[in-house]
C-alpha cells in the first residue's frame, strides 16, 4: 500500500535559532577567555553544531565522532580524537536524547582523558522514564516520544535539510 507521510511542525526555525543563541550566550559566559572543545557525532549533529559555533563568541575547536558501531548488541564508539581532551573544557553535543546509552558511553570515553570540565547539550530530549545518566544534560527542547525529522534528523536519509523539526506520521501502513 502507498504510504502518505505527513509532517507536523513541532519546533519552528525561529524557535531553534532563539534557543541556540541563548545556549551559546550561557556557554560563552561559562568559558569566557577559555577554549571550548566540542565533541559531536558528525552525521546527525553537524547542522546543530554549525549553528551553535557561529553563535559562540569564544575560541572553539571541534572533534567529530566519526564511527558508532553496534556489534552483537554492544556499541563501540570511536571518538576519532586527533588530540587529547586532557585539561580541556569539553561540550558534548547530541541531537536527540532518548535512552542515553550511547551518550553515556561518549561521556565515559571523554572522561578517560581527564578533561578540565565536561558539559553535555542536546537539541531534543525525548520523554523516557527508563533513562539513567551519570551527568546533567542541557536540553534545548523537551518533547514526547514521537518520530522526528528535520534540522539534520532523517528518515531513510531524507528530510535532513528541513529548517524546523517535525513529527513524521505515516498513514496507510499495514
C-alpha atoms as a PDB file:
ATOM      1  CA  UNK A   1       0.000   0.000   0.000  1.00  0.00           C
ATOM      2  CA  UNK A   2       1.212   3.527  -0.731  1.00  0.00           C
ATOM      3  CA  UNK A   3       2.461   5.481   2.259  1.00  0.00           C
ATOM      4  CA  UNK A   4       1.365   9.043   2.840  1.00  0.00           C
ATOM      5  CA  UNK A   5       3.749  10.849   5.143  1.00  0.00           C
ATOM      6  CA  UNK A   6       2.579  13.906   6.985  1.00  0.00           C
ATOM      7  CA  UNK A   7       4.923  16.441   8.572  1.00  0.00           C
ATOM      8  CA  UNK A   8       3.630  18.186  11.670  1.00  0.00           C
ATOM      9  CA  UNK A   9       5.641  21.164  12.905  1.00  0.00           C
ATOM     10  CA  UNK A  10       6.928  20.667  16.443  1.00  0.00           C
ATOM     11  CA  UNK A  11       9.656  23.316  16.604  1.00  0.00           C
ATOM     12  CA  UNK A  12       9.906  26.169  14.116  1.00  0.00           C
ATOM     13  CA  UNK A  13      13.167  27.500  12.691  1.00  0.00           C
ATOM     14  CA  UNK A  14      12.954  30.745  14.701  1.00  0.00           C
ATOM     15  CA  UNK A  15      12.443  28.802  17.953  1.00  0.00           C
ATOM     16  CA  UNK A  16      15.550  26.719  17.247  1.00  0.00           C
ATOM     17  CA  UNK A  17      17.595  29.819  16.450  1.00  0.00           C
ATOM     18  CA  UNK A  18      16.476  31.597  19.644  1.00  0.00           C
ATOM     19  CA  UNK A  19      17.302  28.565  21.800  1.00  0.00           C
ATOM     20  CA  UNK A  20      20.752  28.228  20.224  1.00  0.00           C
ATOM     21  CA  UNK A  21      21.510  31.935  20.710  1.00  0.00           C
ATOM     22  CA  UNK A  22      20.508  31.654  24.378  1.00  0.00           C
ATOM     23  CA  UNK A  23      22.580  28.489  24.953  1.00  0.00           C
ATOM     24  CA  UNK A  24      25.605  29.978  23.183  1.00  0.00           C
ATOM     25  CA  UNK A  25      25.395  33.069  25.361  1.00  0.00           C
ATOM     26  CA  UNK A  26      25.373  30.924  28.512  1.00  0.00           C
ATOM     27  CA  UNK A  27      28.347  28.818  27.375  1.00  0.00           C
ATOM     28  CA  UNK A  28      30.244  31.949  26.325  1.00  0.00           C
ATOM     29  CA  UNK A  29      29.886  33.287  29.890  1.00  0.00           C
ATOM     30  CA  UNK A  30      30.970  29.952  31.408  1.00  0.00           C
ATOM     31  CA  UNK A  31      34.061  29.698  29.216  1.00  0.00           C
ATOM     32  CA  UNK A  32      34.949  33.364  28.780  1.00  0.00           C
ATOM     33  CA  UNK A  33      38.626  33.749  27.789  1.00  0.00           C
ATOM     34  CA  UNK A  34      38.950  29.945  27.505  1.00  0.00           C
ATOM     35  CA  UNK A  35      38.867  27.478  24.667  1.00  0.00           C
ATOM     36  CA  UNK A  36      35.916  25.106  24.320  1.00  0.00           C
ATOM     37  CA  UNK A  37      36.215  21.738  22.572  1.00  0.00           C
ATOM     38  CA  UNK A  38      33.003  20.399  21.070  1.00  0.00           C
ATOM     39  CA  UNK A  39      32.668  16.622  20.726  1.00  0.00           C
ATOM     40  CA  UNK A  40      29.810  15.553  18.455  1.00  0.00           C
ATOM     41  CA  UNK A  41      28.694  12.717  16.190  1.00  0.00           C
ATOM     42  CA  UNK A  42      29.199  14.042  12.669  1.00  0.00           C
ATOM     43  CA  UNK A  43      26.275  12.709  10.644  1.00  0.00           C
ATOM     44  CA  UNK A  44      23.463  13.657  12.995  1.00  0.00           C
ATOM     45  CA  UNK A  45      24.637  16.846  14.694  1.00  0.00           C
ATOM     46  CA  UNK A  46      26.505  18.813  12.044  1.00  0.00           C
ATOM     47  CA  UNK A  47      23.623  21.259  11.418  1.00  0.00           C
ATOM     48  CA  UNK A  48      23.201  21.918  15.158  1.00  0.00           C
ATOM     49  CA  UNK A  49      26.964  22.211  15.732  1.00  0.00           C
ATOM     50  CA  UNK A  50      27.398  24.608  12.794  1.00  0.00           C
ATOM     51  CA  UNK A  51      24.668  26.925  14.092  1.00  0.00           C
ATOM     52  CA  UNK A  52      25.949  26.697  17.664  1.00  0.00           C
ATOM     53  CA  UNK A  53      29.573  27.561  16.891  1.00  0.00           C
ATOM     54  CA  UNK A  54      28.518  30.551  14.774  1.00  0.00           C
ATOM     55  CA  UNK A  55      26.833  31.960  17.880  1.00  0.00           C
ATOM     56  CA  UNK A  56      29.729  31.272  20.264  1.00  0.00           C
ATOM     57  CA  UNK A  57      31.976  34.349  20.598  1.00  0.00           C
ATOM     58  CA  UNK A  58      34.771  32.264  22.136  1.00  0.00           C
ATOM     59  CA  UNK A  59      37.558  30.063  20.786  1.00  0.00           C
ATOM     60  CA  UNK A  60      36.055  26.718  19.738  1.00  0.00           C
ATOM     61  CA  UNK A  61      37.619  23.515  18.432  1.00  0.00           C
ATOM     62  CA  UNK A  62      35.647  20.528  17.182  1.00  0.00           C
ATOM     63  CA  UNK A  63      36.286  16.794  17.497  1.00  0.00           C
ATOM     64  CA  UNK A  64      33.728  14.898  15.440  1.00  0.00           C
ATOM     65  CA  UNK A  65      32.885  11.320  16.307  1.00  0.00           C
ATOM     66  CA  UNK A  66      33.041   9.527  13.024  1.00  0.00           C
ATOM     67  CA  UNK A  67      32.067   5.990  13.874  1.00  0.00           C
ATOM     68  CA  UNK A  68      29.483   4.401  16.117  1.00  0.00           C
ATOM     69  CA  UNK A  69      29.176   0.655  15.587  1.00  0.00           C
ATOM     70  CA  UNK A  70      26.592  -1.638  17.094  1.00  0.00           C
ATOM     71  CA  UNK A  71      28.161  -5.088  17.128  1.00  0.00           C
ATOM     72  CA  UNK A  72      26.313  -8.020  18.674  1.00  0.00           C
ATOM     73  CA  UNK A  73      24.231  -5.774  20.897  1.00  0.00           C
ATOM     74  CA  UNK A  74      27.204  -3.742  22.129  1.00  0.00           C
ATOM     75  CA  UNK A  75      28.006  -0.238  20.993  1.00  0.00           C
ATOM     76  CA  UNK A  76      31.598   0.611  20.096  1.00  0.00           C
ATOM     77  CA  UNK A  77      32.410   4.274  19.773  1.00  0.00           C
ATOM     78  CA  UNK A  78      35.472   5.685  18.085  1.00  0.00           C
ATOM     79  CA  UNK A  79      35.799   9.322  19.078  1.00  0.00           C
ATOM     80  CA  UNK A  80      38.283   9.815  16.284  1.00  0.00           C
ATOM     81  CA  UNK A  81      40.112  12.265  18.502  1.00  0.00           C
ATOM     82  CA  UNK A  82      43.226  13.640  16.910  1.00  0.00           C
ATOM     83  CA  UNK A  83      44.191  15.435  20.126  1.00  0.00           C
ATOM     84  CA  UNK A  84      43.666  14.638  23.770  1.00  0.00           C
ATOM     85  CA  UNK A  85      40.832  16.143  25.796  1.00  0.00           C
ATOM     86  CA  UNK A  86      43.127  16.306  28.817  1.00  0.00           C
ATOM     87  CA  UNK A  87      42.610  19.512  30.818  1.00  0.00           C
ATOM     88  CA  UNK A  88      40.226  20.924  28.194  1.00  0.00           C
ATOM     89  CA  UNK A  89      36.735  22.345  28.511  1.00  0.00           C
ATOM     90  CA  UNK A  90      34.534  19.870  26.645  1.00  0.00           C
ATOM     91  CA  UNK A  91      30.987  20.290  25.394  1.00  0.00           C
ATOM     92  CA  UNK A  92      29.456  17.045  24.154  1.00  0.00           C
ATOM     93  CA  UNK A  93      26.751  17.867  21.607  1.00  0.00           C
ATOM     94  CA  UNK A  94      23.901  15.449  20.923  1.00  0.00           C
ATOM     95  CA  UNK A  95      20.987  15.614  18.526  1.00  0.00           C
ATOM     96  CA  UNK A  96      18.359  13.558  20.370  1.00  0.00           C
ATOM     97  CA  UNK A  97      18.489  12.163  23.889  1.00  0.00           C
ATOM     98  CA  UNK A  98      16.224   9.177  24.370  1.00  0.00           C
ATOM     99  CA  UNK A  99      17.608   6.258  26.363  1.00  0.00           C
ATOM    100  CA  UNK A 100      21.026   7.851  26.730  1.00  0.00           C
ATOM    101  CA  UNK A 101      23.183   4.736  26.461  1.00  0.00           C
ATOM    102  CA  UNK A 102      25.313   6.000  23.576  1.00  0.00           C
ATOM    103  CA  UNK A 103      25.622   9.450  25.130  1.00  0.00           C
ATOM    104  CA  UNK A 104      26.707   7.857  28.428  1.00  0.00           C
ATOM    105  CA  UNK A 105      29.413   5.901  26.566  1.00  0.00           C
ATOM    106  CA  UNK A 106      30.648   9.033  24.801  1.00  0.00           C
ATOM    107  CA  UNK A 107      30.763  10.832  28.157  1.00  0.00           C
ATOM    108  CA  UNK A 108      32.648   7.953  29.793  1.00  0.00           C
ATOM    109  CA  UNK A 109      35.200   7.835  26.962  1.00  0.00           C
ATOM    110  CA  UNK A 110      35.708  11.605  27.147  1.00  0.00           C
ATOM    111  CA  UNK A 111      36.207  11.412  30.926  1.00  0.00           C
ATOM    112  CA  UNK A 112      39.050   8.907  30.478  1.00  0.00           C
ATOM    113  CA  UNK A 113      41.165  11.789  29.122  1.00  0.00           C
ATOM    114  CA  UNK A 114      40.624  13.776  32.346  1.00  0.00           C
ATOM    115  CA  UNK A 115      39.238  16.982  30.835  1.00  0.00           C
ATOM    116  CA  UNK A 116      39.072  20.160  32.913  1.00  0.00           C
ATOM    117  CA  UNK A 117      35.279  20.376  32.549  1.00  0.00           C
ATOM    118  CA  UNK A 118      32.615  18.412  30.666  1.00  0.00           C
ATOM    119  CA  UNK A 119      29.107  19.555  29.857  1.00  0.00           C
ATOM    120  CA  UNK A 120      26.502  17.960  27.642  1.00  0.00           C
ATOM    121  CA  UNK A 121      23.907  19.656  25.457  1.00  0.00           C
ATOM    122  CA  UNK A 122      21.204  18.044  23.365  1.00  0.00           C
ATOM    123  CA  UNK A 123      18.936  19.626  20.830  1.00  0.00           C
ATOM    124  CA  UNK A 124      15.987  17.381  21.733  1.00  0.00           C
ATOM    125  CA  UNK A 125      15.238  15.412  24.870  1.00  0.00           C
ATOM    126  CA  UNK A 126      12.525  12.828  24.338  1.00  0.00           C
ATOM    127  CA  UNK A 127      10.460  11.715  27.296  1.00  0.00           C
ATOM    128  CA  UNK A 128      11.767   8.383  28.626  1.00  0.00           C
ATOM    129  CA  UNK A 129      11.228   7.078  32.138  1.00  0.00           C
ATOM    130  CA  UNK A 130      13.964   4.426  31.796  1.00  0.00           C
ATOM    131  CA  UNK A 131      16.861   6.844  31.208  1.00  0.00           C
ATOM    132  CA  UNK A 132      19.776   6.702  33.629  1.00  0.00           C
ATOM    133  CA  UNK A 133      22.678   9.093  33.143  1.00  0.00           C
ATOM    134  CA  UNK A 134      25.566   9.937  35.460  1.00  0.00           C
ATOM    135  CA  UNK A 135      25.618  13.591  34.330  1.00  0.00           C
ATOM    136  CA  UNK A 136      23.316  16.531  33.700  1.00  0.00           C
ATOM    137  CA  UNK A 137      22.166  17.373  30.181  1.00  0.00           C
ATOM    138  CA  UNK A 138      21.155  20.804  28.935  1.00  0.00           C
ATOM    139  CA  UNK A 139      18.209  20.214  26.598  1.00  0.00           C
ATOM    140  CA  UNK A 140      17.106  22.954  24.245  1.00  0.00           C
ATOM    141  CA  UNK A 141      13.713  21.290  23.758  1.00  0.00           C
ATOM    142  CA  UNK A 142      11.798  18.536  25.547  1.00  0.00           C
ATOM    143  CA  UNK A 143       9.202  16.581  23.611  1.00  0.00           C
ATOM    144  CA  UNK A 144       7.098  13.454  23.822  1.00  0.00           C
ATOM    145  CA  UNK A 145       8.431  10.230  22.329  1.00  0.00           C
ATOM    146  CA  UNK A 146       7.488  10.818  18.683  1.00  0.00           C
ATOM    147  CA  UNK A 147       9.461  10.181  15.490  1.00  0.00           C
ATOM    148  CA  UNK A 148      11.068  13.431  14.357  1.00  0.00           C
ATOM    149  CA  UNK A 149      12.836  14.715  11.238  1.00  0.00           C
ATOM    150  CA  UNK A 150      14.385  17.938  10.027  1.00  0.00           C
ATOM    151  CA  UNK A 151      17.284  20.090  11.137  1.00  0.00           C
ATOM    152  CA  UNK A 152      19.754  17.292  10.438  1.00  0.00           C
ATOM    153  CA  UNK A 153      17.484  14.452  11.565  1.00  0.00           C
ATOM    154  CA  UNK A 154      16.404  11.955   8.934  1.00  0.00           C
ATOM    155  CA  UNK A 155      14.036   9.214   7.948  1.00  0.00           C
ATOM    156  CA  UNK A 156      15.810   6.925   5.443  1.00  0.00           C
ATOM    157  CA  UNK A 157      18.316   9.767   4.903  1.00  0.00           C
ATOM    158  CA  UNK A 158      15.531  12.139   3.802  1.00  0.00           C
ATOM    159  CA  UNK A 159      14.225  15.336   5.438  1.00  0.00           C
ATOM    160  CA  UNK A 160      17.668  16.329   6.830  1.00  0.00           C
ATOM    161  CA  UNK A 161      17.547  19.790   5.225  1.00  0.00           C
ATOM    162  CA  UNK A 162      14.265  20.951   6.740  1.00  0.00           C
ATOM    163  CA  UNK A 163      14.808  24.116   8.771  1.00  0.00           C
ATOM    164  CA  UNK A 164      12.443  23.148  11.582  1.00  0.00           C
ATOM    165  CA  UNK A 165      11.765  19.955  13.499  1.00  0.00           C
ATOM    166  CA  UNK A 166       8.725  17.930  12.546  1.00  0.00           C
ATOM    167  CA  UNK A 167       6.992  14.798  13.692  1.00  0.00           C
ATOM    168  CA  UNK A 168       6.579  12.353  10.837  1.00  0.00           C
ATOM    169  CA  UNK A 169       3.436  10.330  10.743  1.00  0.00           C
ATOM    170  CA  UNK A 170       2.889   7.606   8.213  1.00  0.00           C
ATOM    171  CA  UNK A 171      -0.621   6.783   7.107  1.00  0.00           C
ATOM    172  CA  UNK A 172      -1.550   3.780   5.039  1.00  0.00           C
ATOM    173  CA  UNK A 173       0.917   1.267   6.509  1.00  0.00           C
ATOM    174  CA  UNK A 174      -0.392  -2.173   7.199  1.00  0.00           C
END
